[in-house]
Amino acid sequence: MESETHNLAGNAAPPVEDLSFEEALRELETIVRKLESGDAPLEASITLYSRGEALRAQCTRRLADAEAKIQKLTLTPTGDVVGAQPFDAG
């Protein structure tokens, strides 16, 4: 049977896929602080690291999704929006 992932308070952690960017980032920052402190036992550190990697991937996905939605607006000389196209940061 697969064990549940728990947050630092010992409660069952929500699935990473259900977290917003801000929620995932906040939890990731907490995990990084905990790992950097060196207070967690080895097994707990491995579990935290694994959860942190999943959170990092979720943040990356959320950012990529947001970037894909950003559009470059085409304006007339008077400032009216006449069109939009995908934004190319390059």
N, C-alpha and C. Protein backbone atom coordinates (compact mmCIF):
# COMPACT_ATOMS: atom_id res chain seq x y z
N MET A 1 0.84 -1.17 0.00
CA MET A 1 0.00 0.00 0.00
C MET A 1 0.89 1.24 0.00
N GLU A 2 0.54 2.21 -0.82
CA GLU A 2 1.34 3.42 -0.96
C GLU A 2 1.11 4.34 0.23
N SER A 3 2.18 4.88 0.79
CA SER A 3 2.02 5.76 1.95
C SER A 3 1.63 7.15 1.49
N GLU A 4 0.88 7.85 2.34
CA GLU A 4 0.47 9.22 2.05
C GLU A 4 1.63 10.16 2.27
N THR A 5 1.64 11.22 1.50
CA THR A 5 2.60 12.29 1.73
C THR A 5 2.00 13.21 2.78
N HIS A 6 2.82 13.62 3.73
CA HIS A 6 2.34 14.51 4.79
C HIS A 6 3.09 15.82 4.73
N ASN A 7 2.39 16.89 5.15
CA ASN A 7 3.06 18.18 5.21
C ASN A 7 3.87 18.25 6.49
N LEU A 8 4.53 19.37 6.71
CA LEU A 8 5.42 19.49 7.86
C LEU A 8 4.69 19.46 9.18
N ALA A 9 3.38 19.72 9.18
CA ALA A 9 2.59 19.66 10.41
C ALA A 9 2.11 18.24 10.69
N GLY A 10 2.43 17.29 9.80
CA GLY A 10 2.03 15.91 9.99
C GLY A 10 0.68 15.58 9.39
N ASN A 11 0.03 16.54 8.78
CA ASN A 11 -1.26 16.32 8.13
C ASN A 11 -1.04 15.79 6.72
N ALA A 12 -2.06 15.08 6.21
CA ALA A 12 -1.96 14.60 4.83
C ALA A 12 -1.85 15.80 3.90
N ALA A 13 -0.83 15.82 3.06
CA ALA A 13 -0.60 16.94 2.15
C ALA A 13 -1.51 16.78 0.94
N PRO A 14 -2.04 17.90 0.42
CA PRO A 14 -2.88 17.81 -0.77
C PRO A 14 -2.05 17.39 -1.98
N PRO A 15 -2.69 16.78 -2.97
CA PRO A 15 -1.95 16.42 -4.19
C PRO A 15 -1.34 17.67 -4.81
N VAL A 16 -0.11 17.55 -5.27
CA VAL A 16 0.61 18.68 -5.86
C VAL A 16 -0.19 19.29 -7.01
N GLU A 17 -0.85 18.46 -7.79
CA GLU A 17 -1.60 18.94 -8.96
C GLU A 17 -2.74 19.88 -8.57
N ASP A 18 -3.21 19.79 -7.33
CA ASP A 18 -4.33 20.62 -6.88
C ASP A 18 -3.88 21.98 -6.37
N LEU A 19 -2.58 22.20 -6.23
CA LEU A 19 -2.07 23.44 -5.64
C LEU A 19 -1.92 24.54 -6.68
N SER A 20 -2.22 25.75 -6.27
CA SER A 20 -1.95 26.91 -7.12
C SER A 20 -0.44 27.14 -7.13
N PHE A 21 0.01 28.01 -8.02
CA PHE A 21 1.44 28.34 -8.05
C PHE A 21 1.89 28.86 -6.70
N GLU A 22 1.12 29.78 -6.12
CA GLU A 22 1.50 30.39 -4.85
C GLU A 22 1.55 29.37 -3.72
N GLU A 23 0.58 28.46 -3.68
CA GLU A 23 0.56 27.43 -2.64
C GLU A 23 1.76 26.50 -2.78
N ALA A 24 2.03 26.08 -4.01
CA ALA A 24 3.16 25.17 -4.26
C ALA A 24 4.48 25.85 -3.91
N LEU A 25 4.63 27.11 -4.29
CA LEU A 25 5.87 27.83 -4.00
C LEU A 25 6.06 28.01 -2.50
N ARG A 26 4.99 28.35 -1.80
CA ARG A 26 5.06 28.53 -0.35
C ARG A 26 5.51 27.23 0.33
N GLU A 27 4.90 26.12 -0.07
CA GLU A 27 5.27 24.83 0.52
C GLU A 27 6.70 24.46 0.16
N LEU A 28 7.10 24.73 -1.08
CA LEU A 28 8.47 24.44 -1.51
C LEU A 28 9.48 25.24 -0.69
N GLU A 29 9.19 26.51 -0.46
CA GLU A 29 10.09 27.35 0.35
C GLU A 29 10.21 26.81 1.77
N THR A 30 9.10 26.33 2.33
CA THR A 30 9.12 25.75 3.68
C THR A 30 9.98 24.49 3.70
N ILE A 31 9.84 23.66 2.69
CA ILE A 31 10.63 22.42 2.60
C ILE A 31 12.12 22.75 2.48
N VAL A 32 12.45 23.72 1.65
CA VAL A 32 13.86 24.10 1.48
C VAL A 32 14.45 24.56 2.82
N ARG A 33 13.70 25.39 3.55
CA ARG A 33 14.20 25.85 4.86
C ARG A 33 14.41 24.67 5.80
N LYS A 34 13.47 23.73 5.81
CA LYS A 34 13.57 22.56 6.69
C LYS A 34 14.79 21.71 6.31
N LEU A 35 14.99 21.49 5.02
CA LEU A 35 16.15 20.69 4.59
C LEU A 35 17.46 21.41 4.89
N GLU A 36 17.48 22.72 4.68
CA GLU A 36 18.71 23.49 4.94
C GLU A 36 19.05 23.54 6.43
N SER A 37 18.04 23.42 7.28
CA SER A 37 18.30 23.47 8.73
C SER A 37 19.03 22.22 9.21
N GLY A 38 18.86 21.11 8.48
CA GLY A 38 19.51 19.87 8.86
C GLY A 38 18.85 19.16 10.02
N ASP A 39 17.66 19.61 10.42
CA ASP A 39 16.98 19.03 11.58
C ASP A 39 16.21 17.75 11.27
N ALA A 40 15.89 17.52 10.02
CA ALA A 40 15.07 16.36 9.66
C ALA A 40 15.93 15.10 9.60
N PRO A 41 15.41 13.98 10.12
CA PRO A 41 16.12 12.71 9.97
C PRO A 41 16.22 12.33 8.49
N LEU A 42 17.10 11.40 8.18
CA LEU A 42 17.37 11.02 6.80
C LEU A 42 16.11 10.64 6.03
N GLU A 43 15.31 9.73 6.57
CA GLU A 43 14.10 9.29 5.86
C GLU A 43 13.14 10.44 5.62
N ALA A 44 12.97 11.31 6.61
CA ALA A 44 12.10 12.47 6.46
C ALA A 44 12.67 13.42 5.41
N SER A 45 13.99 13.56 5.39
CA SER A 45 14.63 14.43 4.40
C SER A 45 14.40 13.91 2.99
N ILE A 46 14.47 12.61 2.81
CA ILE A 46 14.23 12.02 1.50
C ILE A 46 12.79 12.26 1.06
N THR A 47 11.85 12.10 1.98
CA THR A 47 10.44 12.35 1.69
C THR A 47 10.22 13.82 1.36
N LEU A 48 10.83 14.71 2.13
CA LEU A 48 10.72 16.15 1.88
C LEU A 48 11.31 16.50 0.52
N TYR A 49 12.47 15.93 0.21
CA TYR A 49 13.11 16.21 -1.07
C TYR A 49 12.21 15.78 -2.23
N SER A 50 11.62 14.60 -2.10
CA SER A 50 10.75 14.08 -3.15
C SER A 50 9.54 15.00 -3.34
N ARG A 51 8.93 15.42 -2.25
CA ARG A 51 7.78 16.34 -2.32
C ARG A 51 8.24 17.68 -2.93
N GLY A 52 9.41 18.14 -2.53
CA GLY A 52 9.93 19.39 -3.06
C GLY A 52 10.15 19.33 -4.55
N GLU A 53 10.64 18.22 -5.04
CA GLU A 53 10.85 18.07 -6.48
C GLU A 53 9.52 18.10 -7.22
N ALA A 54 8.51 17.45 -6.67
CA ALA A 54 7.18 17.48 -7.28
C ALA A 54 6.61 18.90 -7.27
N LEU A 55 6.83 19.62 -6.19
CA LEU A 55 6.37 21.01 -6.10
C LEU A 55 7.09 21.90 -7.10
N ARG A 56 8.40 21.69 -7.26
CA ARG A 56 9.18 22.46 -8.23
C ARG A 56 8.63 22.24 -9.64
N ALA A 57 8.35 20.98 -9.96
CA ALA A 57 7.81 20.66 -11.28
C ALA A 57 6.43 21.31 -11.47
N GLN A 58 5.61 21.32 -10.43
CA GLN A 58 4.29 21.95 -10.52
C GLN A 58 4.44 23.45 -10.75
N CYS A 59 5.35 24.09 -10.04
CA CYS A 59 5.58 25.53 -10.23
C CYS A 59 6.04 25.81 -11.66
N THR A 60 6.91 24.98 -12.18
CA THR A 60 7.39 25.14 -13.55
C THR A 60 6.25 25.01 -14.54
N ARG A 61 5.37 24.02 -14.32
CA ARG A 61 4.21 23.84 -15.20
C ARG A 61 3.28 25.05 -15.14
N ARG A 62 3.02 25.51 -13.93
CA ARG A 62 2.11 26.66 -13.77
C ARG A 62 2.69 27.90 -14.45
N LEU A 63 3.99 28.12 -14.32
CA LEU A 63 4.62 29.27 -14.98
C LEU A 63 4.57 29.14 -16.50
N ALA A 64 4.82 27.94 -17.01
CA ALA A 64 4.76 27.73 -18.46
C ALA A 64 3.35 27.97 -18.98
N ASP A 65 2.35 27.52 -18.23
CA ASP A 65 0.96 27.76 -18.63
C ASP A 65 0.65 29.25 -18.65
N ALA A 66 1.11 29.96 -17.64
CA ALA A 66 0.86 31.41 -17.58
C ALA A 66 1.57 32.12 -18.73
N GLU A 67 2.79 31.72 -19.01
CA GLU A 67 3.56 32.33 -20.09
C GLU A 67 2.86 32.12 -21.44
N ALA A 68 2.29 30.95 -21.62
CA ALA A 68 1.59 30.65 -22.87
C ALA A 68 0.35 31.52 -23.05
N LYS A 69 -0.21 31.99 -21.96
CA LYS A 69 -1.41 32.82 -22.03
C LYS A 69 -1.11 34.30 -22.24
N ILE A 70 0.13 34.69 -21.98
CA ILE A 70 0.49 36.09 -22.16
C ILE A 70 0.51 36.39 -23.65
N GLN A 71 -0.11 37.49 -24.01
CA GLN A 71 -0.17 37.84 -25.42
C GLN A 71 0.35 39.25 -25.63
N LYS A 72 0.92 39.43 -26.77
CA LYS A 72 1.39 40.75 -27.19
C LYS A 72 0.22 41.43 -27.91
N LEU A 73 -0.17 42.59 -27.41
CA LEU A 73 -1.29 43.30 -28.00
C LEU A 73 -0.82 44.19 -29.14
N THR A 74 -1.60 44.24 -30.20
CA THR A 74 -1.33 45.14 -31.32
C THR A 74 -2.24 46.35 -31.14
N LEU A 75 -1.64 47.53 -31.10
CA LEU A 75 -2.38 48.76 -30.86
C LEU A 75 -2.36 49.66 -32.09
N THR A 76 -3.41 50.44 -32.22
CA THR A 76 -3.45 51.48 -33.25
C THR A 76 -2.67 52.67 -32.71
N PRO A 77 -2.35 53.65 -33.56
CA PRO A 77 -1.64 54.85 -33.08
C PRO A 77 -2.38 55.57 -31.95
N THR A 78 -3.69 55.37 -31.86
CA THR A 78 -4.45 56.03 -30.78
C THR A 78 -4.54 55.16 -29.53
N GLY A 79 -3.96 53.97 -29.58
CA GLY A 79 -3.92 53.11 -28.39
C GLY A 79 -5.03 52.09 -28.31
N ASP A 80 -5.83 51.96 -29.36
CA ASP A 80 -6.90 50.96 -29.36
C ASP A 80 -6.31 49.59 -29.69
N VAL A 81 -6.80 48.56 -29.00
CA VAL A 81 -6.34 47.20 -29.25
C VAL A 81 -7.02 46.69 -30.52
N VAL A 82 -6.20 46.24 -31.47
CA VAL A 82 -6.75 45.72 -32.73
C VAL A 82 -6.40 44.26 -32.96
N GLY A 83 -5.61 43.69 -32.11
CA GLY A 83 -5.24 42.29 -32.28
C GLY A 83 -4.31 41.84 -31.18
N ALA A 84 -4.11 40.53 -31.14
CA ALA A 84 -3.21 39.95 -30.15
C ALA A 84 -2.52 38.75 -30.78
N GLN A 85 -1.30 38.53 -30.37
CA GLN A 85 -0.55 37.37 -30.83
C GLN A 85 0.28 36.85 -29.67
N PRO A 86 0.68 35.58 -29.72
CA PRO A 86 1.49 35.05 -28.63
C PRO A 86 2.73 35.90 -28.42
N PHE A 87 3.07 36.10 -27.16
CA PHE A 87 4.24 36.89 -26.80
C PHE A 87 5.49 36.06 -26.99
N ASP A 88 6.48 36.62 -27.66
CA ASP A 88 7.77 35.97 -27.84
C ASP A 88 8.81 36.78 -27.08
N ALA A 89 9.25 36.25 -25.95
CA ALA A 89 10.20 36.98 -25.11
C ALA A 89 11.58 37.03 -25.74
N GLY A 90 11.84 36.20 -26.74
CA GLY A 90 13.15 36.13 -27.36
C GLY A 90 13.38 37.27 -28.24
